[in-house]
C-alpha cells in the first residue's frame, strides 16, 4: 500500500511541476514584459517532474535488487 501512495504522489508531482513552471514563467513574462520565459520555465518544469519520476523509480529498482 505504501508503494501505491508513493506512485500517486509522483503522479501528482509531474503535472504540479509543469503547471508550477508555467505559472512562474507567466508571472515573470508579465512582470518583465517578455514572451518567452513561460516556455522556458514550462520546459524546466517538465524536466524537474521527469527527474523526480526517474529518481523514485530508480530507488524502487535498487530496493528490489537488494531483496
PDB file of N, CA and C in Angstrom:
ATOM      1  N   UNK A   1       0.821  -1.199   0.000  1.00  0.00           N
ATOM      2  CA  UNK A   1       0.000   0.000   0.000  1.00  0.00           C
ATOM      3  C   UNK A   1       0.864   1.262   0.000  1.00  0.00           C
ATOM      4  N   UNK A   2       2.002   1.212   0.682  1.00  0.00           N
ATOM      5  CA  UNK A   2       2.882   2.380   0.711  1.00  0.00           C
ATOM      6  C   UNK A   2       3.427   2.686  -0.676  1.00  0.00           C
ATOM      7  N   UNK A   3       3.626   1.643  -1.467  1.00  0.00           N
ATOM      8  CA  UNK A   3       4.121   1.842  -2.822  1.00  0.00           C
ATOM      9  C   UNK A   3       3.093   2.583  -3.671  1.00  0.00           C
ATOM     10  N   UNK A   4       1.822   2.255  -3.488  1.00  0.00           N
ATOM     11  CA  UNK A   4       0.759   2.938  -4.237  1.00  0.00           C
ATOM     12  C   UNK A   4       0.706   4.414  -3.860  1.00  0.00           C
ATOM     13  N   UNK A   5       0.891   4.716  -2.600  1.00  0.00           N
ATOM     14  CA  UNK A   5       0.879   6.121  -2.164  1.00  0.00           C
ATOM     15  C   UNK A   5       2.071   6.876  -2.746  1.00  0.00           C
ATOM     16  N   UNK A   6       3.209   6.199  -2.823  1.00  0.00           N
ATOM     17  CA  UNK A   6       4.403   6.845  -3.378  1.00  0.00           C
ATOM     18  C   UNK A   6       4.202   7.158  -4.861  1.00  0.00           C
ATOM     19  N   UNK A   7       3.643   6.200  -5.601  1.00  0.00           N
ATOM     20  CA  UNK A   7       3.426   6.422  -7.027  1.00  0.00           C
ATOM     21  C   UNK A   7       2.329   7.457  -7.278  1.00  0.00           C
ATOM     22  N   UNK A   8       1.352   7.518  -6.396  1.00  0.00           N
ATOM     23  CA  UNK A   8       0.318   8.548  -6.529  1.00  0.00           C
ATOM     24  C   UNK A   8       0.910   9.927  -6.310  1.00  0.00           C
ATOM     25  N   UNK A   9       1.815  10.050  -5.355  1.00  0.00           N
ATOM     26  CA  UNK A   9       2.448  11.346  -5.127  1.00  0.00           C
ATOM     27  C   UNK A   9       3.326  11.744  -6.313  1.00  0.00           C
ATOM     28  N   UNK A  10       3.981  10.779  -6.945  1.00  0.00           N
ATOM     29  CA  UNK A  10       4.772  11.081  -8.143  1.00  0.00           C
ATOM     30  C   UNK A  10       3.854  11.498  -9.280  1.00  0.00           C
ATOM     31  N   UNK A  11       2.696  10.836  -9.377  1.00  0.00           N
ATOM     32  CA  UNK A  11       1.738  11.188 -10.428  1.00  0.00           C
ATOM     33  C   UNK A  11       1.219  12.608 -10.249  1.00  0.00           C
ATOM     34  N   UNK A  12       1.177  13.097  -9.033  1.00  0.00           N
ATOM     35  CA  UNK A  12       0.758  14.478  -8.792  1.00  0.00           C
ATOM     36  C   UNK A  12       1.927  15.450  -8.915  1.00  0.00           C
ATOM     37  N   UNK A  13       3.136  14.980  -8.668  1.00  0.00           N
ATOM     38  CA  UNK A  13       4.316  15.838  -8.752  1.00  0.00           C
ATOM     39  C   UNK A  13       4.613  16.254 -10.186  1.00  0.00           C
ATOM     40  N   UNK A  14       4.466  15.332 -11.120  1.00  0.00           N
ATOM     41  CA  UNK A  14       4.780  15.632 -12.514  1.00  0.00           C
ATOM     42  C   UNK A  14       3.914  16.766 -13.068  1.00  0.00           C
ATOM     43  N   UNK A  15       2.582  16.681 -13.012  1.00  0.00           N
ATOM     44  CA  UNK A  15       1.800  17.823 -13.513  1.00  0.00           C
ATOM     45  C   UNK A  15       1.965  19.073 -12.652  1.00  0.00           C
ATOM     46  N   UNK A  16       2.201  18.878 -11.359  1.00  0.00           N
ATOM     47  CA  UNK A  16       2.412  20.036 -10.491  1.00  0.00           C
ATOM     48  C   UNK A  16       3.657  20.820 -10.869  1.00  0.00           C
ATOM     49  N   UNK A  17       4.723  20.104 -11.200  1.00  0.00           N
ATOM     50  CA  UNK A  17       5.961  20.772 -11.610  1.00  0.00           C
ATOM     51  C   UNK A  17       5.771  21.501 -12.933  1.00  0.00           C
ATOM     52  N   UNK A  18       5.031  20.884 -13.849  1.00  0.00           N
ATOM     53  CA  UNK A  18       4.792  21.516 -15.146  1.00  0.00           C
ATOM     54  C   UNK A  18       3.944  22.780 -14.978  1.00  0.00           C
ATOM     55  N   UNK A  19       2.870  22.666 -14.220  1.00  0.00           N
ATOM     56  CA  UNK A  19       1.990  23.820 -14.005  1.00  0.00           C
ATOM     57  C   UNK A  19       2.718  24.912 -13.226  1.00  0.00           C
ATOM     58  N   UNK A  20       3.473  24.509 -12.197  1.00  0.00           N
ATOM     59  CA  UNK A  20       4.233  25.485 -11.427  1.00  0.00           C
ATOM     60  C   UNK A  20       5.264  26.216 -12.276  1.00  0.00           C
ATOM     61  N   UNK A  21       5.967  25.486 -13.125  1.00  0.00           N
ATOM     62  CA  UNK A  21       6.946  26.111 -14.013  1.00  0.00           C
ATOM     63  C   UNK A  21       6.293  27.097 -14.966  1.00  0.00           C
ATOM     64  N   UNK A  22       5.148  26.699 -15.516  1.00  0.00           N
ATOM     65  CA  UNK A  22       4.445  27.598 -16.432  1.00  0.00           C
ATOM     66  C   UNK A  22       3.984  28.867 -15.712  1.00  0.00           C
ATOM     67  N   UNK A  23       3.428  28.716 -14.519  1.00  0.00           N
ATOM     68  CA  UNK A  23       2.933  29.888 -13.786  1.00  0.00           C
ATOM     69  C   UNK A  23       4.060  30.836 -13.391  1.00  0.00           C
ATOM     70  N   UNK A  24       5.198  30.286 -13.008  1.00  0.00           N
ATOM     71  CA  UNK A  24       6.346  31.138 -12.690  1.00  0.00           C
ATOM     72  C   UNK A  24       6.791  31.888 -13.941  1.00  0.00           C
ATOM     73  N   UNK A  25       6.888  31.185 -15.056  1.00  0.00           N
ATOM     74  CA  UNK A  25       7.275  31.833 -16.308  1.00  0.00           C
ATOM     75  C   UNK A  25       6.266  32.874 -16.755  1.00  0.00           C
ATOM     76  N   UNK A  26       4.989  32.567 -16.594  1.00  0.00           N
ATOM     77  CA  UNK A  26       3.933  33.516 -16.965  1.00  0.00           C
ATOM     78  C   UNK A  26       4.035  34.791 -16.124  1.00  0.00           C
ATOM     79  N   UNK A  27       4.238  34.614 -14.820  1.00  0.00           N
ATOM     80  CA  UNK A  27       4.380  35.772 -13.945  1.00  0.00           C
ATOM     81  C   UNK A  27       5.593  36.615 -14.289  1.00  0.00           C
ATOM     82  N   UNK A  28       6.701  35.948 -14.577  1.00  0.00           N
ATOM     83  CA  UNK A  28       7.900  36.684 -14.960  1.00  0.00           C
ATOM     84  C   UNK A  28       7.722  37.387 -16.303  1.00  0.00           C
ATOM     85  N   UNK A  29       7.027  36.743 -17.230  1.00  0.00           N
ATOM     86  CA  UNK A  29       6.756  37.383 -18.521  1.00  0.00           C
ATOM     87  C   UNK A  29       5.933  38.655 -18.348  1.00  0.00           C
ATOM     88  N   UNK A  30       4.927  38.576 -17.518  1.00  0.00           N
ATOM     89  CA  UNK A  30       4.099  39.770 -17.293  1.00  0.00           C
ATOM     90  C   UNK A  30       4.882  40.861 -16.584  1.00  0.00           C
ATOM     91  N   UNK A  31       5.712  40.472 -15.632  1.00  0.00           N
ATOM     92  CA  UNK A  31       6.470  41.442 -14.851  1.00  0.00           C
ATOM     93  C   UNK A  31       7.575  42.086 -15.685  1.00  0.00           C
ATOM     94  N   UNK A  32       8.257  41.294 -16.511  1.00  0.00           N
ATOM     95  CA  UNK A  32       9.385  41.800 -17.285  1.00  0.00           C
ATOM     96  C   UNK A  32       9.007  42.242 -18.697  1.00  0.00           C
ATOM     97  N   UNK A  33       7.778  41.959 -19.111  1.00  0.00           N
ATOM     98  CA  UNK A  33       7.334  42.353 -20.439  1.00  0.00           C
ATOM     99  C   UNK A  33       7.924  41.505 -21.557  1.00  0.00           C
ATOM    100  N   UNK A  34       8.223  40.258 -21.259  1.00  0.00           N
ATOM    101  CA  UNK A  34       8.764  39.357 -22.266  1.00  0.00           C
ATOM    102  C   UNK A  34       7.686  38.353 -22.684  1.00  0.00           C
ATOM    103  N   UNK A  35       8.035  37.467 -23.616  1.00  0.00           N
ATOM    104  CA  UNK A  35       7.047  36.495 -24.079  1.00  0.00           C
ATOM    105  C   UNK A  35       7.608  35.081 -24.171  1.00  0.00           C
ATOM    106  N   UNK A  36       8.800  34.858 -23.706  1.00  0.00           N
ATOM    107  CA  UNK A  36       9.422  33.547 -23.890  1.00  0.00           C
ATOM    108  C   UNK A  36       9.721  32.816 -22.586  1.00  0.00           C
ATOM    109  N   UNK A  37       9.659  33.492 -21.455  1.00  0.00           N
ATOM    110  CA  UNK A  37      10.031  32.851 -20.196  1.00  0.00           C
ATOM    111  C   UNK A  37       9.057  31.757 -19.789  1.00  0.00           C
ATOM    112  N   UNK A  38       7.780  31.905 -20.147  1.00  0.00           N
ATOM    113  CA  UNK A  38       6.824  30.858 -19.770  1.00  0.00           C
ATOM    114  C   UNK A  38       7.166  29.539 -20.454  1.00  0.00           C
ATOM    115  N   UNK A  39       7.690  29.594 -21.676  1.00  0.00           N
ATOM    116  CA  UNK A  39       8.070  28.367 -22.371  1.00  0.00           C
ATOM    117  C   UNK A  39       9.310  27.759 -21.717  1.00  0.00           C
ATOM    118  N   UNK A  40      10.267  28.601 -21.363  1.00  0.00           N
ATOM    119  CA  UNK A  40      11.491  28.111 -20.722  1.00  0.00           C
ATOM    120  C   UNK A  40      11.165  27.456 -19.381  1.00  0.00           C
ATOM    121  N   UNK A  41      10.350  28.119 -18.565  1.00  0.00           N
ATOM    122  CA  UNK A  41      10.016  27.568 -17.256  1.00  0.00           C
ATOM    123  C   UNK A  41       9.082  26.368 -17.368  1.00  0.00           C
ATOM    124  N   UNK A  42       8.259  26.315 -18.412  1.00  0.00           N
ATOM    125  CA  UNK A  42       7.444  25.138 -18.662  1.00  0.00           C
ATOM    126  C   UNK A  42       8.345  23.935 -18.933  1.00  0.00           C
ATOM    127  N   UNK A  43       9.353  24.128 -19.769  1.00  0.00           N
ATOM    128  CA  UNK A  43      10.296  23.042 -20.064  1.00  0.00           C
ATOM    129  C   UNK A  43      11.087  22.640 -18.824  1.00  0.00           C
ATOM    130  N   UNK A  44      11.476  23.619 -18.008  1.00  0.00           N
ATOM    131  CA  UNK A  44      12.164  23.293 -16.757  1.00  0.00           C
ATOM    132  C   UNK A  44      11.265  22.493 -15.824  1.00  0.00           C
ATOM    133  N   UNK A  45       9.981  22.812 -15.804  1.00  0.00           N
ATOM    134  CA  UNK A  45       9.029  22.046 -15.002  1.00  0.00           C
ATOM    135  C   UNK A  45       8.894  20.615 -15.493  1.00  0.00           C
ATOM    136  N   UNK A  46       8.876  20.433 -16.804  1.00  0.00           N
ATOM    137  CA  UNK A  46       8.804  19.084 -17.372  1.00  0.00           C
ATOM    138  C   UNK A  46      10.046  18.288 -16.977  1.00  0.00           C
ATOM    139  N   UNK A  47      11.205  18.912 -17.113  1.00  0.00           N
ATOM    140  CA  UNK A  47      12.458  18.236 -16.756  1.00  0.00           C
ATOM    141  C   UNK A  47      12.479  17.891 -15.267  1.00  0.00           C
ATOM    142  N   UNK A  48      12.063  18.812 -14.420  1.00  0.00           N
ATOM    143  CA  UNK A  48      12.044  18.558 -12.978  1.00  0.00           C
ATOM    144  C   UNK A  48      11.069  17.434 -12.622  1.00  0.00           C
ATOM    145  N   UNK A  49       9.910  17.412 -13.260  1.00  0.00           N
ATOM    146  CA  UNK A  49       8.940  16.356 -12.998  1.00  0.00           C
ATOM    147  C   UNK A  49       9.454  14.990 -13.407  1.00  0.00           C
ATOM    148  N   UNK A  50      10.062  14.902 -14.589  1.00  0.00           N
ATOM    149  CA  UNK A  50      10.604  13.619 -15.026  1.00  0.00           C
ATOM    150  C   UNK A  50      11.815  13.209 -14.196  1.00  0.00           C
ATOM    151  N   UNK A  51      12.612  14.160 -13.762  1.00  0.00           N
ATOM    152  CA  UNK A  51      13.758  13.832 -12.906  1.00  0.00           C
ATOM    153  C   UNK A  51      13.270  13.215 -11.593  1.00  0.00           C
ATOM    154  N   UNK A  52      12.215  13.748 -11.027  1.00  0.00           N
ATOM    155  CA  UNK A  52      11.650  13.190  -9.796  1.00  0.00           C
ATOM    156  C   UNK A  52      11.077  11.793 -10.056  1.00  0.00           C
ATOM    157  N   UNK A  53      10.409  11.625 -11.175  1.00  0.00           N
ATOM    158  CA  UNK A  53       9.865  10.313 -11.537  1.00  0.00           C
ATOM    159  C   UNK A  53      10.983   9.288 -11.670  1.00  0.00           C
ATOM    160  N   UNK A  54      12.044   9.627 -12.356  1.00  0.00           N
ATOM    161  CA  UNK A  54      13.175   8.712 -12.531  1.00  0.00           C
ATOM    162  C   UNK A  54      13.850   8.422 -11.197  1.00  0.00           C
ATOM    163  N   UNK A  55      13.983   9.433 -10.351  1.00  0.00           N
ATOM    164  CA  UNK A  55      14.613   9.233  -9.039  1.00  0.00           C
ATOM    165  C   UNK A  55      13.840   8.227  -8.203  1.00  0.00           C
ATOM    166  N   UNK A  56      12.519   8.350  -8.173  1.00  0.00           N
ATOM    167  CA  UNK A  56      11.694   7.427  -7.384  1.00  0.00           C
ATOM    168  C   UNK A  56      11.744   6.022  -7.972  1.00  0.00           C
ATOM    169  N   UNK A  57      11.652   5.918  -9.279  1.00  0.00           N
ATOM    170  CA  UNK A  57      11.691   4.596  -9.903  1.00  0.00           C
ATOM    171  C   UNK A  57      13.038   3.913  -9.697  1.00  0.00           C
ATOM    172  N   UNK A  58      14.124   4.664  -9.795  1.00  0.00           N
ATOM    173  CA  UNK A  58      15.445   4.076  -9.583  1.00  0.00           C
ATOM    174  C   UNK A  58      15.627   3.607  -8.139  1.00  0.00           C
ATOM    175  N   UNK A  59      15.098   4.357  -7.185  1.00  0.00           N
ATOM    176  CA  UNK A  59      15.215   3.924  -5.788  1.00  0.00           C
ATOM    177  C   UNK A  59      14.404   2.652  -5.556  1.00  0.00           C
ATOM    178  N   UNK A  60      13.263   2.511  -6.208  1.00  0.00           N
ATOM    179  CA  UNK A  60      12.484   1.283  -6.075  1.00  0.00           C
ATOM    180  C   UNK A  60      13.188   0.104  -6.735  1.00  0.00           C
ATOM    181  N   UNK A  61      13.821   0.335  -7.871  1.00  0.00           N
ATOM    182  CA  UNK A  61      14.557  -0.738  -8.545  1.00  0.00           C
ATOM    183  C   UNK A  61      15.725  -1.195  -7.670  1.00  0.00           C
ATOM    184  N   UNK A  62      16.443  -0.237  -7.075  1.00  0.00           N
ATOM    185  CA  UNK A  62      17.549  -0.593  -6.182  1.00  0.00           C
ATOM    186  C   UNK A  62      17.057  -1.367  -4.979  1.00  0.00           C
ATOM    187  N   UNK A  63      15.933  -0.991  -4.435  1.00  0.00           N
ATOM    188  CA  UNK A  63      15.367  -1.665  -3.267  1.00  0.00           C
ATOM    189  C   UNK A  63      14.976  -3.093  -3.626  1.00  0.00           C
ATOM    190  N   UNK A  64      14.410  -3.284  -4.815  1.00  0.00           N
ATOM    191  CA  UNK A  64      14.022  -4.642  -5.244  1.00  0.00           C
ATOM    192  C   UNK A  64      15.250  -5.501  -5.512  1.00  0.00           C
ATOM    193  N   UNK A  65      16.328  -4.907  -6.014  1.00  0.00           N
ATOM    194  CA  UNK A  65      17.535  -5.678  -6.288  1.00  0.00           C
ATOM    195  C   UNK A  65      18.189  -6.168  -5.003  1.00  0.00           C
ATOM    196  N   UNK A  66      18.040  -5.455  -3.911  1.00  0.00           N
ATOM    197  CA  UNK A  66      18.628  -5.835  -2.625  1.00  0.00           C
ATOM    198  C   UNK A  66      17.907  -7.011  -1.996  1.00  0.00           C
ATOM    199  N   UNK A  67      16.665  -7.225  -2.356  1.00  0.00           N
ATOM    200  CA  UNK A  67      15.886  -8.323  -1.738  1.00  0.00           C
ATOM    201  C   UNK A  67      16.305  -9.671  -2.248  1.00  0.00           C
TER     202      UNK A  67
END
